[in-house]
mmCIF file of all heavy atoms, coordinates in Angstrom:
data_MODEL
# 
_entry.id   MODEL 
# 
loop_
_atom_site.group_PDB 
_atom_site.id 
_atom_site.type_symbol 
_atom_site.label_atom_id 
_atom_site.label_alt_id 
_atom_site.label_comp_id 
_atom_site.label_asym_id 
_atom_site.label_entity_id 
_atom_site.label_seq_id 
_atom_site.pdbx_PDB_ins_code 
_atom_site.Cartn_x 
_atom_site.Cartn_y 
_atom_site.Cartn_z 
_atom_site.occupancy 
_atom_site.B_iso_or_equiv 
_atom_site.pdbx_formal_charge 
_atom_site.auth_seq_id 
_atom_site.auth_comp_id 
_atom_site.auth_asym_id 
_atom_site.auth_atom_id 
_atom_site.pdbx_PDB_model_num 
ATOM 1   N N   . GLY A 1 1  ? -3.117  -6.946  -4.407  1.00 0.00 ? 1  GLY A N   1 
ATOM 2   C CA  . GLY A 1 1  ? -3.726  -6.037  -3.457  1.00 0.00 ? 1  GLY A CA  1 
ATOM 3   C C   . GLY A 1 1  ? -5.017  -6.608  -2.904  1.00 0.00 ? 1  GLY A C   1 
ATOM 4   O O   . GLY A 1 1  ? -5.342  -7.770  -3.121  1.00 0.00 ? 1  GLY A O   1 
ATOM 5   N N   . ILE A 1 2  ? -5.763  -5.769  -2.199  1.00 0.00 ? 2  ILE A N   1 
ATOM 6   C CA  . ILE A 1 2  ? -7.001  -6.194  -1.538  1.00 0.00 ? 2  ILE A CA  1 
ATOM 7   C C   . ILE A 1 2  ? -8.159  -5.396  -2.130  1.00 0.00 ? 2  ILE A C   1 
ATOM 8   O O   . ILE A 1 2  ? -8.210  -4.175  -2.016  1.00 0.00 ? 2  ILE A O   1 
ATOM 9   C CB  . ILE A 1 2  ? -6.911  -5.985  -0.019  1.00 0.00 ? 2  ILE A CB  1 
ATOM 10  C CG1 . ILE A 1 2  ? -5.724  -6.749  0.566   1.00 0.00 ? 2  ILE A CG1 1 
ATOM 11  C CG2 . ILE A 1 2  ? -8.209  -6.417  0.655   1.00 0.00 ? 2  ILE A CG2 1 
ATOM 12  C CD1 . ILE A 1 2  ? -5.467  -6.469  2.040   1.00 0.00 ? 2  ILE A CD1 1 
ATOM 13  N N   . ALA A 1 3  ? -9.082  -6.073  -2.764  1.00 0.00 ? 3  ALA A N   1 
ATOM 14  C CA  . ALA A 1 3  ? -10.217 -5.402  -3.387  1.00 0.00 ? 3  ALA A CA  1 
ATOM 15  C C   . ALA A 1 3  ? -11.133 -4.797  -2.322  1.00 0.00 ? 3  ALA A C   1 
ATOM 16  O O   . ALA A 1 3  ? -11.365 -5.412  -1.282  1.00 0.00 ? 3  ALA A O   1 
ATOM 17  C CB  . ALA A 1 3  ? -10.997 -6.392  -4.252  1.00 0.00 ? 3  ALA A CB  1 
ATOM 18  N N   . PRO A 1 4  ? -11.683 -3.620  -2.579  1.00 0.00 ? 4  PRO A N   1 
ATOM 19  C CA  . PRO A 1 4  ? -12.552 -2.938  -1.589  1.00 0.00 ? 4  PRO A CA  1 
ATOM 20  C C   . PRO A 1 4  ? -13.976 -3.501  -1.618  1.00 0.00 ? 4  PRO A C   1 
ATOM 21  O O   . PRO A 1 4  ? -14.942 -2.813  -1.957  1.00 0.00 ? 4  PRO A O   1 
ATOM 22  C CB  . PRO A 1 4  ? -12.514 -1.476  -2.053  1.00 0.00 ? 4  PRO A CB  1 
ATOM 23  C CG  . PRO A 1 4  ? -12.328 -1.569  -3.543  1.00 0.00 ? 4  PRO A CG  1 
ATOM 24  C CD  . PRO A 1 4  ? -11.431 -2.770  -3.765  1.00 0.00 ? 4  PRO A CD  1 
ATOM 25  N N   . ILE A 1 5  ? -14.115 -4.742  -1.218  1.00 0.00 ? 5  ILE A N   1 
ATOM 26  C CA  . ILE A 1 5  ? -15.388 -5.443  -1.367  1.00 0.00 ? 5  ILE A CA  1 
ATOM 27  C C   . ILE A 1 5  ? -16.492 -4.854  -0.500  1.00 0.00 ? 5  ILE A C   1 
ATOM 28  O O   . ILE A 1 5  ? -17.640 -4.702  -0.942  1.00 0.00 ? 5  ILE A O   1 
ATOM 29  C CB  . ILE A 1 5  ? -15.204 -6.949  -1.076  1.00 0.00 ? 5  ILE A CB  1 
ATOM 30  C CG1 . ILE A 1 5  ? -14.238 -7.565  -2.093  1.00 0.00 ? 5  ILE A CG1 1 
ATOM 31  C CG2 . ILE A 1 5  ? -16.550 -7.667  -1.115  1.00 0.00 ? 5  ILE A CG2 1 
ATOM 32  C CD1 . ILE A 1 5  ? -14.676 -7.408  -3.547  1.00 0.00 ? 5  ILE A CD1 1 
ATOM 33  N N   . ARG A 1 6  ? -16.181 -4.515  0.753   1.00 0.00 ? 6  ARG A N   1 
ATOM 34  C CA  . ARG A 1 6  ? -17.222 -3.933  1.607   1.00 0.00 ? 6  ARG A CA  1 
ATOM 35  C C   . ARG A 1 6  ? -17.748 -2.635  1.013   1.00 0.00 ? 6  ARG A C   1 
ATOM 36  O O   . ARG A 1 6  ? -18.961 -2.378  1.026   1.00 0.00 ? 6  ARG A O   1 
ATOM 37  C CB  . ARG A 1 6  ? -16.665 -3.715  3.021   1.00 0.00 ? 6  ARG A CB  1 
ATOM 38  C CG  . ARG A 1 6  ? -17.583 -2.959  3.976   1.00 0.00 ? 6  ARG A CG  1 
ATOM 39  C CD  . ARG A 1 6  ? -19.001 -3.500  3.998   1.00 0.00 ? 6  ARG A CD  1 
ATOM 40  N NE  . ARG A 1 6  ? -19.074 -4.900  4.365   1.00 0.00 ? 6  ARG A NE  1 
ATOM 41  C CZ  . ARG A 1 6  ? -20.155 -5.642  4.229   1.00 0.00 ? 6  ARG A CZ  1 
ATOM 42  N NH1 . ARG A 1 6  ? -21.251 -5.136  3.693   1.00 0.00 ? 6  ARG A NH1 1 
ATOM 43  N NH2 . ARG A 1 6  ? -20.146 -6.908  4.585   1.00 0.00 ? 6  ARG A NH2 1 
ATOM 44  N N   . ARG A 1 7  ? -16.883 -1.790  0.484   1.00 0.00 ? 7  ARG A N   1 
ATOM 45  C CA  . ARG A 1 7  ? -17.334 -0.544  -0.138  1.00 0.00 ? 7  ARG A CA  1 
ATOM 46  C C   . ARG A 1 7  ? -18.197 -0.848  -1.360  1.00 0.00 ? 7  ARG A C   1 
ATOM 47  O O   . ARG A 1 7  ? -19.199 -0.163  -1.606  1.00 0.00 ? 7  ARG A O   1 
ATOM 48  C CB  . ARG A 1 7  ? -16.136 0.321   -0.513  1.00 0.00 ? 7  ARG A CB  1 
ATOM 49  C CG  . ARG A 1 7  ? -15.528 1.038   0.698   1.00 0.00 ? 7  ARG A CG  1 
ATOM 50  C CD  . ARG A 1 7  ? -14.106 1.473   0.475   1.00 0.00 ? 7  ARG A CD  1 
ATOM 51  N NE  . ARG A 1 7  ? -13.916 2.212   -0.768  1.00 0.00 ? 7  ARG A NE  1 
ATOM 52  C CZ  . ARG A 1 7  ? -12.746 2.299   -1.394  1.00 0.00 ? 7  ARG A CZ  1 
ATOM 53  N NH1 . ARG A 1 7  ? -11.678 1.671   -0.911  1.00 0.00 ? 7  ARG A NH1 1 
ATOM 54  N NH2 . ARG A 1 7  ? -12.649 2.997   -2.495  1.00 0.00 ? 7  ARG A NH2 1 
ATOM 55  N N   . MET A 1 8  ? -17.828 -1.859  -2.126  1.00 0.00 ? 8  MET A N   1 
ATOM 56  C CA  . MET A 1 8  ? -18.646 -2.238  -3.285  1.00 0.00 ? 8  MET A CA  1 
ATOM 57  C C   . MET A 1 8  ? -20.030 -2.696  -2.835  1.00 0.00 ? 8  MET A C   1 
ATOM 58  O O   . MET A 1 8  ? -21.050 -2.264  -3.389  1.00 0.00 ? 8  MET A O   1 
ATOM 59  C CB  . MET A 1 8  ? -17.960 -3.356  -4.072  1.00 0.00 ? 8  MET A CB  1 
ATOM 60  C CG  . MET A 1 8  ? -16.682 -2.973  -4.759  1.00 0.00 ? 8  MET A CG  1 
ATOM 61  S SD  . MET A 1 8  ? -16.054 -4.379  -5.733  1.00 0.00 ? 8  MET A SD  1 
ATOM 62  C CE  . MET A 1 8  ? -14.350 -3.864  -6.017  1.00 0.00 ? 8  MET A CE  1 
ATOM 63  N N   . LEU A 1 9  ? -20.067 -3.591  -1.858  1.00 0.00 ? 9  LEU A N   1 
ATOM 64  C CA  . LEU A 1 9  ? -21.346 -4.114  -1.389  1.00 0.00 ? 9  LEU A CA  1 
ATOM 65  C C   . LEU A 1 9  ? -22.224 -3.007  -0.816  1.00 0.00 ? 9  LEU A C   1 
ATOM 66  O O   . LEU A 1 9  ? -23.433 -2.946  -1.075  1.00 0.00 ? 9  LEU A O   1 
ATOM 67  C CB  . LEU A 1 9  ? -21.109 -5.204  -0.346  1.00 0.00 ? 9  LEU A CB  1 
ATOM 68  C CG  . LEU A 1 9  ? -20.451 -6.488  -0.844  1.00 0.00 ? 9  LEU A CG  1 
ATOM 69  C CD1 . LEU A 1 9  ? -20.111 -7.394  0.341   1.00 0.00 ? 9  LEU A CD1 1 
ATOM 70  C CD2 . LEU A 1 9  ? -21.333 -7.225  -1.842  1.00 0.00 ? 9  LEU A CD2 1 
ATOM 71  N N   . ASN A 1 10 ? -21.626 -2.123  -0.034  1.00 0.00 ? 10 ASN A N   1 
ATOM 72  C CA  . ASN A 1 10 ? -22.392 -1.031  0.557   1.00 0.00 ? 10 ASN A CA  1 
ATOM 73  C C   . ASN A 1 10 ? -22.966 -0.103  -0.510  1.00 0.00 ? 10 ASN A C   1 
ATOM 74  O O   . ASN A 1 10 ? -24.042 0.471   -0.339  1.00 0.00 ? 10 ASN A O   1 
ATOM 75  C CB  . ASN A 1 10 ? -21.521 -0.234  1.517   1.00 0.00 ? 10 ASN A CB  1 
ATOM 76  C CG  . ASN A 1 10 ? -21.210 -0.995  2.796   1.00 0.00 ? 10 ASN A CG  1 
ATOM 77  O OD1 . ASN A 1 10 ? -21.792 -2.039  3.070   1.00 0.00 ? 10 ASN A OD1 1 
ATOM 78  N ND2 . ASN A 1 10 ? -20.280 -0.484  3.586   1.00 0.00 ? 10 ASN A ND2 1 
ATOM 79  N N   . ALA A 1 11 ? -22.238 0.038   -1.618  1.00 0.00 ? 11 ALA A N   1 
ATOM 80  C CA  . ALA A 1 11 ? -22.695 0.906   -2.704  1.00 0.00 ? 11 ALA A CA  1 
ATOM 81  C C   . ALA A 1 11 ? -23.750 0.240   -3.576  1.00 0.00 ? 11 ALA A C   1 
ATOM 82  O O   . ALA A 1 11 ? -24.435 0.919   -4.348  1.00 0.00 ? 11 ALA A O   1 
ATOM 83  C CB  . ALA A 1 11 ? -21.501 1.326   -3.564  1.00 0.00 ? 11 ALA A CB  1 
ATOM 84  N N   . GLY A 1 12 ? -23.854 -1.094  -3.479  1.00 0.00 ? 12 GLY A N   1 
ATOM 85  C CA  . GLY A 1 12 ? -24.832 -1.814  -4.290  1.00 0.00 ? 12 GLY A CA  1 
ATOM 86  C C   . GLY A 1 12 ? -24.261 -2.484  -5.520  1.00 0.00 ? 12 GLY A C   1 
ATOM 87  O O   . GLY A 1 12 ? -25.005 -2.832  -6.443  1.00 0.00 ? 12 GLY A O   1 
ATOM 88  N N   . VAL A 1 13 ? -22.944 -2.680  -5.557  1.00 0.00 ? 13 VAL A N   1 
ATOM 89  C CA  . VAL A 1 13 ? -22.321 -3.382  -6.678  1.00 0.00 ? 13 VAL A CA  1 
ATOM 90  C C   . VAL A 1 13 ? -22.576 -4.880  -6.524  1.00 0.00 ? 13 VAL A C   1 
ATOM 91  O O   . VAL A 1 13 ? -22.314 -5.445  -5.459  1.00 0.00 ? 13 VAL A O   1 
ATOM 92  C CB  . VAL A 1 13 ? -20.801 -3.116  -6.719  1.00 0.00 ? 13 VAL A CB  1 
ATOM 93  C CG1 . VAL A 1 13 ? -20.143 -3.909  -7.850  1.00 0.00 ? 13 VAL A CG1 1 
ATOM 94  C CG2 . VAL A 1 13 ? -20.527 -1.627  -6.894  1.00 0.00 ? 13 VAL A CG2 1 
ATOM 95  N N   . PRO A 1 14 ? -23.058 -5.570  -7.568  1.00 0.00 ? 14 PRO A N   1 
ATOM 96  C CA  . PRO A 1 14 ? -23.178 -7.033  -7.495  1.00 0.00 ? 14 PRO A CA  1 
ATOM 97  C C   . PRO A 1 14 ? -21.788 -7.667  -7.423  1.00 0.00 ? 14 PRO A C   1 
ATOM 98  O O   . PRO A 1 14 ? -20.917 -7.348  -8.245  1.00 0.00 ? 14 PRO A O   1 
ATOM 99  C CB  . PRO A 1 14 ? -23.882 -7.398  -8.807  1.00 0.00 ? 14 PRO A CB  1 
ATOM 100 C CG  . PRO A 1 14 ? -24.519 -6.131  -9.282  1.00 0.00 ? 14 PRO A CG  1 
ATOM 101 C CD  . PRO A 1 14 ? -23.627 -5.030  -8.820  1.00 0.00 ? 14 PRO A CD  1 
ATOM 102 N N   . VAL A 1 15 ? -21.560 -8.548  -6.451  1.00 0.00 ? 15 VAL A N   1 
ATOM 103 C CA  . VAL A 1 15 ? -20.255 -9.185  -6.264  1.00 0.00 ? 15 VAL A CA  1 
ATOM 104 C C   . VAL A 1 15 ? -20.431 -10.688 -6.126  1.00 0.00 ? 15 VAL A C   1 
ATOM 105 O O   . VAL A 1 15 ? -21.260 -11.153 -5.332  1.00 0.00 ? 15 VAL A O   1 
ATOM 106 C CB  . VAL A 1 15 ? -19.519 -8.639  -5.013  1.00 0.00 ? 15 VAL A CB  1 
ATOM 107 C CG1 . VAL A 1 15 ? -18.173 -9.341  -4.829  1.00 0.00 ? 15 VAL A CG1 1 
ATOM 108 C CG2 . VAL A 1 15 ? -19.322 -7.129  -5.121  1.00 0.00 ? 15 VAL A CG2 1 
ATOM 109 N N   . GLY A 1 16 ? -19.655 -11.446 -6.901  1.00 0.00 ? 16 GLY A N   1 
ATOM 110 C CA  . GLY A 1 16 ? -19.572 -12.897 -6.768  1.00 0.00 ? 16 GLY A CA  1 
ATOM 111 C C   . GLY A 1 16 ? -18.130 -13.311 -6.590  1.00 0.00 ? 16 GLY A C   1 
ATOM 112 O O   . GLY A 1 16 ? -17.236 -12.458 -6.498  1.00 0.00 ? 16 GLY A O   1 
ATOM 113 N N   . LEU A 1 17 ? -17.893 -14.610 -6.541  1.00 0.00 ? 17 LEU A N   1 
ATOM 114 C CA  . LEU A 1 17 ? -16.541 -15.127 -6.328  1.00 0.00 ? 17 LEU A CA  1 
ATOM 115 C C   . LEU A 1 17 ? -15.996 -15.800 -7.579  1.00 0.00 ? 17 LEU A C   1 
ATOM 116 O O   . LEU A 1 17 ? -16.741 -16.443 -8.324  1.00 0.00 ? 17 LEU A O   1 
ATOM 117 C CB  . LEU A 1 17 ? -16.524 -16.156 -5.196  1.00 0.00 ? 17 LEU A CB  1 
ATOM 118 C CG  . LEU A 1 17 ? -16.621 -15.651 -3.775  1.00 0.00 ? 17 LEU A CG  1 
ATOM 119 C CD1 . LEU A 1 17 ? -16.577 -16.828 -2.815  1.00 0.00 ? 17 LEU A CD1 1 
ATOM 120 C CD2 . LEU A 1 17 ? -15.504 -14.666 -3.458  1.00 0.00 ? 17 LEU A CD2 1 
ATOM 121 N N   . GLY A 1 18 ? -14.681 -15.680 -7.789  1.00 0.00 ? 18 GLY A N   1 
ATOM 122 C CA  . GLY A 1 18 ? -13.983 -16.414 -8.841  1.00 0.00 ? 18 GLY A CA  1 
ATOM 123 C C   . GLY A 1 18 ? -12.660 -16.916 -8.318  1.00 0.00 ? 18 GLY A C   1 
ATOM 124 O O   . GLY A 1 18 ? -12.210 -16.512 -7.230  1.00 0.00 ? 18 GLY A O   1 
ATOM 125 N N   . VAL A 1 19 ? -12.026 -17.803 -9.075  1.00 0.00 ? 19 VAL A N   1 
ATOM 126 C CA  . VAL A 1 19 ? -10.712 -18.306 -8.669  1.00 0.00 ? 19 VAL A CA  1 
ATOM 127 C C   . VAL A 1 19 ? -9.602  -17.886 -9.618  1.00 0.00 ? 19 VAL A C   1 
ATOM 128 O O   . VAL A 1 19 ? -8.433  -18.142 -9.364  1.00 0.00 ? 19 VAL A O   1 
ATOM 129 C CB  . VAL A 1 19 ? -10.702 -19.848 -8.519  1.00 0.00 ? 19 VAL A CB  1 
ATOM 130 C CG1 . VAL A 1 19 ? -11.678 -20.277 -7.438  1.00 0.00 ? 19 VAL A CG1 1 
ATOM 131 C CG2 . VAL A 1 19 ? -11.008 -20.530 -9.832  1.00 0.00 ? 19 VAL A CG2 1 
ATOM 132 N N   . ASP A 1 20 ? -9.949  -17.237 -10.733 1.00 0.00 ? 20 ASP A N   1 
ATOM 133 C CA  . ASP A 1 20 ? -8.957  -16.732 -11.684 1.00 0.00 ? 20 ASP A CA  1 
ATOM 134 C C   . ASP A 1 20 ? -8.122  -17.846 -12.290 1.00 0.00 ? 20 ASP A C   1 
ATOM 135 O O   . ASP A 1 20 ? -6.971  -17.634 -12.658 1.00 0.00 ? 20 ASP A O   1 
ATOM 136 C CB  . ASP A 1 20 ? -8.053  -15.682 -11.033 1.00 0.00 ? 20 ASP A CB  1 
ATOM 137 C CG  . ASP A 1 20 ? -7.323  -14.841 -12.090 1.00 0.00 ? 20 ASP A CG  1 
ATOM 138 O OD1 . ASP A 1 20 ? -7.908  -14.604 -13.154 1.00 0.00 ? 20 ASP A OD1 1 
ATOM 139 O OD2 . ASP A 1 20 ? -6.165  -14.446 -11.847 1.00 0.00 ? 20 ASP A OD2 1 
ATOM 140 N N   . GLY A 1 21 ? -8.652  -19.032 -12.388 1.00 0.00 ? 21 GLY A N   1 
ATOM 141 C CA  . GLY A 1 21 ? -7.951  -20.105 -13.089 1.00 0.00 ? 21 GLY A CA  1 
ATOM 142 C C   . GLY A 1 21 ? -6.962  -20.852 -12.215 1.00 0.00 ? 21 GLY A C   1 
ATOM 143 O O   . GLY A 1 21 ? -6.494  -20.366 -11.186 1.00 0.00 ? 21 GLY A O   1 
ATOM 144 N N   . SER A 1 22 ? -6.626  -22.052 -12.657 1.00 0.00 ? 22 SER A N   1 
ATOM 145 C CA  . SER A 1 22 ? -5.741  -22.915 -11.875 1.00 0.00 ? 22 SER A CA  1 
ATOM 146 C C   . SER A 1 22 ? -4.368  -22.308 -11.659 1.00 0.00 ? 22 SER A C   1 
ATOM 147 O O   . SER A 1 22 ? -3.758  -22.480 -10.602 1.00 0.00 ? 22 SER A O   1 
ATOM 148 C CB  . SER A 1 22 ? -5.613  -24.274 -12.573 1.00 0.00 ? 22 SER A CB  1 
ATOM 149 O OG  . SER A 1 22 ? -6.857  -24.919 -12.632 1.00 0.00 ? 22 SER A OG  1 
ATOM 150 N N   . ALA A 1 23 ? -3.851  -21.596 -12.657 1.00 0.00 ? 23 ALA A N   1 
ATOM 151 C CA  . ALA A 1 23 ? -2.487  -21.067 -12.552 1.00 0.00 ? 23 ALA A CA  1 
ATOM 152 C C   . ALA A 1 23 ? -2.379  -19.950 -11.534 1.00 0.00 ? 23 ALA A C   1 
ATOM 153 O O   . ALA A 1 23 ? -1.289  -19.645 -11.045 1.00 0.00 ? 23 ALA A O   1 
ATOM 154 C CB  . ALA A 1 23 ? -2.017  -20.571 -13.923 1.00 0.00 ? 23 ALA A CB  1 
ATOM 155 N N   . SER A 1 24 ? -3.481  -19.304 -11.190 1.00 0.00 ? 24 SER A N   1 
ATOM 156 C CA  . SER A 1 24 ? -3.462  -18.208 -10.229 1.00 0.00 ? 24 SER A CA  1 
ATOM 157 C C   . SER A 1 24 ? -4.034  -18.601 -8.877  1.00 0.00 ? 24 SER A C   1 
ATOM 158 O O   . SER A 1 24 ? -4.038  -17.794 -7.954  1.00 0.00 ? 24 SER A O   1 
ATOM 159 C CB  . SER A 1 24 ? -4.260  -17.021 -10.776 1.00 0.00 ? 24 SER A CB  1 
ATOM 160 O OG  . SER A 1 24 ? -3.710  -16.565 -11.983 1.00 0.00 ? 24 SER A OG  1 
ATOM 161 N N   . ASN A 1 25 ? -4.538  -19.823 -8.767  1.00 0.00 ? 25 ASN A N   1 
ATOM 162 C CA  . ASN A 1 25 ? -5.225  -20.233 -7.544  1.00 0.00 ? 25 ASN A CA  1 
ATOM 163 C C   . ASN A 1 25 ? -4.731  -21.572 -7.012  1.00 0.00 ? 25 ASN A C   1 
ATOM 164 O O   . ASN A 1 25 ? -4.664  -21.790 -5.808  1.00 0.00 ? 25 ASN A O   1 
ATOM 165 C CB  . ASN A 1 25 ? -6.730  -20.302 -7.813  1.00 0.00 ? 25 ASN A CB  1 
ATOM 166 C CG  . ASN A 1 25 ? -7.520  -20.813 -6.642  1.00 0.00 ? 25 ASN A CG  1 
ATOM 167 O OD1 . ASN A 1 25 ? -7.715  -22.016 -6.506  1.00 0.00 ? 25 ASN A OD1 1 
ATOM 168 N ND2 . ASN A 1 25 ? -7.960  -19.906 -5.786  1.00 0.00 ? 25 ASN A ND2 1 
ATOM 169 N N   . ASP A 1 26 ? -4.420  -22.499 -7.919  1.00 0.00 ? 26 ASP A N   1 
ATOM 170 C CA  . ASP A 1 26 ? -3.856  -23.815 -7.605  1.00 0.00 ? 26 ASP A CA  1 
ATOM 171 C C   . ASP A 1 26 ? -4.848  -24.839 -7.067  1.00 0.00 ? 26 ASP A C   1 
ATOM 172 O O   . ASP A 1 26 ? -4.524  -26.012 -6.999  1.00 0.00 ? 26 ASP A O   1 
ATOM 173 C CB  . ASP A 1 26 ? -2.683  -23.702 -6.616  1.00 0.00 ? 26 ASP A CB  1 
ATOM 174 C CG  . ASP A 1 26 ? -1.493  -22.965 -7.211  1.00 0.00 ? 26 ASP A CG  1 
ATOM 175 O OD1 . ASP A 1 26 ? -1.182  -23.222 -8.382  1.00 0.00 ? 26 ASP A OD1 1 
ATOM 176 O OD2 . ASP A 1 26 ? -0.901  -22.135 -6.525  1.00 0.00 ? 26 ASP A OD2 1 
ATOM 177 N N   . ALA A 1 27 ? -6.055  -24.401 -6.698  1.00 0.00 ? 27 ALA A N   1 
ATOM 178 C CA  . ALA A 1 27 ? -6.994  -25.359 -6.136  1.00 0.00 ? 27 ALA A CA  1 
ATOM 179 C C   . ALA A 1 27 ? -8.392  -25.263 -6.742  1.00 0.00 ? 27 ALA A C   1 
ATOM 180 O O   . ALA A 1 27 ? -9.099  -26.249 -6.798  1.00 0.00 ? 27 ALA A O   1 
ATOM 181 C CB  . ALA A 1 27 ? -7.087  -25.181 -4.617  1.00 0.00 ? 27 ALA A CB  1 
ATOM 182 N N   . ALA A 1 28 ? -8.802  -24.063 -7.184  1.00 0.00 ? 28 ALA A N   1 
ATOM 183 C CA  . ALA A 1 28 ? -10.152 -23.843 -7.700  1.00 0.00 ? 28 ALA A CA  1 
ATOM 184 C C   . ALA A 1 28 ? -11.203 -24.300 -6.687  1.00 0.00 ? 28 ALA A C   1 
ATOM 185 O O   . ALA A 1 28 ? -12.227 -24.849 -7.044  1.00 0.00 ? 28 ALA A O   1 
ATOM 186 C CB  . ALA A 1 28 ? -10.340 -24.541 -9.049  1.00 0.00 ? 28 ALA A CB  1 
# 
């Protein structure tokens, strides 16, 4: 699915990026 990042940011939730490991991303 698609995480509600704009709603999180607008609310003040700290957000960073991850790749969830090589098996879920393939490139990191």
